[in-house]
Amino acid sequence: MIKDIVNEEAVCQYLSDWARLLYLVIDETNRMVEKGHFHKLKDILK
């Protein structure tokens, strides 16, 4: 598990810095949109 390797603060910092992000793959996006959870998807992408 990743928490065993690094502390939680480092993980949060890594996940919040998308400056060098080239690709973002979100699995099951079609199901999220079909079930009316599009607003949650928008929040993820903000």
N, C-alpha and C. Protein backbone atom coordinates (compact mmCIF):
# COMPACT_ATOMS: atom_id res chain seq x y z
N MET A 1 0.85 -1.18 0.00
CA MET A 1 0.00 0.00 0.00
C MET A 1 0.89 1.24 0.00
N ILE A 2 0.45 2.28 -0.67
CA ILE A 2 1.27 3.49 -0.83
C ILE A 2 1.53 4.19 0.51
N LYS A 3 0.62 4.08 1.46
CA LYS A 3 0.83 4.72 2.76
C LYS A 3 2.02 4.11 3.49
N ASP A 4 2.34 2.87 3.19
CA ASP A 4 3.48 2.23 3.81
C ASP A 4 4.79 2.82 3.30
N ILE A 5 4.78 3.39 2.10
CA ILE A 5 6.00 3.89 1.48
C ILE A 5 6.23 5.36 1.81
N VAL A 6 5.19 6.18 1.72
CA VAL A 6 5.32 7.62 1.97
C VAL A 6 4.22 8.07 2.90
N ASN A 7 4.40 9.24 3.50
CA ASN A 7 3.38 9.72 4.41
C ASN A 7 2.19 10.31 3.65
N GLU A 8 1.09 10.47 4.33
CA GLU A 8 -0.15 10.93 3.71
C GLU A 8 -0.02 12.33 3.12
N GLU A 9 0.72 13.21 3.77
CA GLU A 9 0.91 14.58 3.26
C GLU A 9 1.61 14.57 1.91
N ALA A 10 2.61 13.74 1.77
CA ALA A 10 3.33 13.64 0.49
C ALA A 10 2.42 13.12 -0.61
N VAL A 11 1.56 12.18 -0.28
CA VAL A 11 0.62 11.64 -1.26
C VAL A 11 -0.35 12.72 -1.69
N CYS A 12 -0.89 13.47 -0.75
CA CYS A 12 -1.83 14.55 -1.08
C CYS A 12 -1.17 15.60 -1.96
N GLN A 13 0.07 15.94 -1.67
CA GLN A 13 0.79 16.93 -2.47
C GLN A 13 1.00 16.40 -3.88
N TYR A 14 1.35 15.15 -4.01
CA TYR A 14 1.57 14.54 -5.32
C TYR A 14 0.29 14.53 -6.14
N LEU A 15 -0.82 14.18 -5.51
CA LEU A 15 -2.09 14.09 -6.22
C LEU A 15 -2.68 15.45 -6.54
N SER A 16 -2.29 16.50 -5.83
CA SER A 16 -2.86 17.82 -6.08
C SER A 16 -2.06 18.63 -7.11
N ASP A 17 -0.87 18.17 -7.46
CA ASP A 17 -0.05 18.88 -8.44
C ASP A 17 -0.14 18.20 -9.80
N TRP A 18 -0.98 18.75 -10.66
CA TRP A 18 -1.19 18.17 -11.98
C TRP A 18 -0.45 18.96 -13.05
N ALA A 19 0.55 19.74 -12.68
CA ALA A 19 1.25 20.61 -13.62
C ALA A 19 1.90 19.83 -14.76
N ARG A 20 2.40 18.65 -14.47
CA ARG A 20 3.08 17.85 -15.49
C ARG A 20 2.23 16.71 -16.01
N LEU A 21 0.97 16.72 -15.69
CA LEU A 21 0.07 15.65 -16.12
C LEU A 21 -0.11 15.70 -17.63
N LEU A 22 0.13 14.59 -18.28
CA LEU A 22 -0.04 14.51 -19.73
C LEU A 22 -1.37 13.85 -20.10
N TYR A 23 -1.76 12.83 -19.36
CA TYR A 23 -2.98 12.09 -19.66
C TYR A 23 -3.73 11.82 -18.36
N LEU A 24 -5.03 11.88 -18.43
CA LEU A 24 -5.87 11.51 -17.30
C LEU A 24 -6.89 10.50 -17.81
N VAL A 25 -6.84 9.31 -17.27
CA VAL A 25 -7.76 8.25 -17.68
C VAL A 25 -8.72 8.01 -16.53
N ILE A 26 -9.99 8.15 -16.82
CA ILE A 26 -11.02 7.90 -15.81
C ILE A 26 -11.85 6.73 -16.31
N ASP A 27 -11.71 5.60 -15.65
CA ASP A 27 -12.42 4.39 -16.03
C ASP A 27 -13.89 4.50 -15.62
N GLU A 28 -14.75 3.92 -16.42
CA GLU A 28 -16.19 3.87 -16.16
C GLU A 28 -16.86 5.24 -16.22
N THR A 29 -16.27 6.19 -16.93
CA THR A 29 -16.86 7.52 -17.05
C THR A 29 -18.25 7.45 -17.67
N ASN A 30 -18.41 6.59 -18.66
CA ASN A 30 -19.72 6.47 -19.30
C ASN A 30 -20.80 6.08 -18.30
N ARG A 31 -20.48 5.23 -17.36
CA ARG A 31 -21.47 4.82 -16.35
C ARG A 31 -21.78 5.96 -15.40
N MET A 32 -20.76 6.77 -15.08
CA MET A 32 -20.99 7.92 -14.20
C MET A 32 -21.97 8.90 -14.85
N VAL A 33 -21.79 9.14 -16.14
CA VAL A 33 -22.65 10.08 -16.86
C VAL A 33 -24.05 9.50 -17.01
N GLU A 34 -24.15 8.21 -17.32
CA GLU A 34 -25.45 7.56 -17.50
C GLU A 34 -26.29 7.60 -16.23
N LYS A 35 -25.67 7.46 -15.11
CA LYS A 35 -26.40 7.39 -13.84
C LYS A 35 -26.65 8.76 -13.23
N GLY A 36 -26.33 9.82 -13.96
CA GLY A 36 -26.61 11.16 -13.46
C GLY A 36 -25.60 11.70 -12.47
N HIS A 37 -24.39 11.20 -12.51
CA HIS A 37 -23.35 11.66 -11.59
C HIS A 37 -22.38 12.61 -12.29
N PHE A 38 -22.83 13.29 -13.33
CA PHE A 38 -21.95 14.17 -14.09
C PHE A 38 -21.36 15.27 -13.23
N HIS A 39 -22.13 15.79 -12.28
CA HIS A 39 -21.60 16.85 -11.41
C HIS A 39 -20.41 16.35 -10.60
N LYS A 40 -20.41 15.08 -10.22
CA LYS A 40 -19.27 14.52 -9.49
C LYS A 40 -18.05 14.43 -10.39
N LEU A 41 -18.26 14.09 -11.65
CA LEU A 41 -17.16 14.04 -12.61
C LEU A 41 -16.57 15.43 -12.81
N LYS A 42 -17.42 16.44 -12.89
CA LYS A 42 -16.94 17.82 -13.03
C LYS A 42 -16.09 18.22 -11.83
N ASP A 43 -16.51 17.81 -10.63
CA ASP A 43 -15.74 18.12 -9.43
C ASP A 43 -14.37 17.44 -9.45
N ILE A 44 -14.31 16.23 -9.96
CA ILE A 44 -13.04 15.51 -10.05
C ILE A 44 -12.09 16.24 -10.98
N LEU A 45 -12.60 16.74 -12.08
CA LEU A 45 -11.76 17.39 -13.09
C LEU A 45 -11.37 18.81 -12.73
N LYS A 46 -11.99 19.41 -11.73
CA LYS A 46 -11.64 20.78 -11.31
C LYS A 46 -10.33 20.71 -10.65
